[in-house]
């Protein structure tokens, strides 16, 4: 178990979140760990970066994923969350019980190299096309956070990338952003029913984590986010979930009140019960029900994420949030 995970667990057990590893970053410490990183090119102040308590790759990405057919999967709780992609090559699911320990998984979806990412501290799931210009990038975890969100780095130039937005924030690729790939986040049983011939990510053979257990037990009910020093949102609990499409968001509470279907901005936002949180009880399969969300425009899946409200407001201070 990583130091960052132990820090969070200890803070939760004590009933508070500790500012461990909160020292601001500087150019010298960054270049020591990322010698190829061009620190002279930056879209942010380096002081906005904080150590999450682990070094580069301390939370190891999965670069060579292994999948098995749906019929061979055992042990997954019926309502455990998975994020999945569907295309002409089939459907591929990535269980959160694995993502929560690795945060980045590489995959080739019907010829498109993608990175499936999850930041537990912001509850943000995003899938990115890994192609930039004429290059295909591969990513790892930098060990840094910004606004409590995962900061990734690419192996080719060691540029730093913000997981919440897909934007390069320090390094050679500053000014560029990864394209977001639409994906769905639903319960395992729903994926299995709709895609009985689908394939599912399994833990790497080198993995040693307690898959199925969350290292962030109780984070949903924390009084405030971990290692976040920005302004808290007004009129909504900072740890409340919001459904984000671009720079527009709706609170999950609002969507549930207007379920099963909310129409807004040309979108059809559907909600149905039956999906466990990955950040509640120790066993994900026993966690509280946050429900399933699907976002569609003109019959086509739209890229969205289910984030904590503090993160949405931090990255989109002028974004529209319906509470």
Foldseek 3Di string as FASTA:
>chain_A
DFPLLVQLLVQVVVQHHDCPQLFQDDPVVLCVQVVLFDQVDFQDPSRLKTFSRAAWCSQPAAEDWDKDAPVPDPDAFQQFKWKWDQDPVAIETETVLQCLRRQWYWDQDVNFIKIWGAQVLWRWTFIFGQDDDNDRWDWTFHSMDGQSFTWIATPPRRFIATPRFQAGGTGDRHVDGTDTDFIFMGGPNVCCVVGVGHIYTDHDPPDDDDRQFHSQAQSLVRQDTHSGDDDADPPDRQSFKWKDAPLAIETLVVPVVVPQWDDDPQKTKGWDWRHFDSRHHRRRSPHDISTTIFIDHPRHGGHIIITGNRVSCVVNVPGHYHD
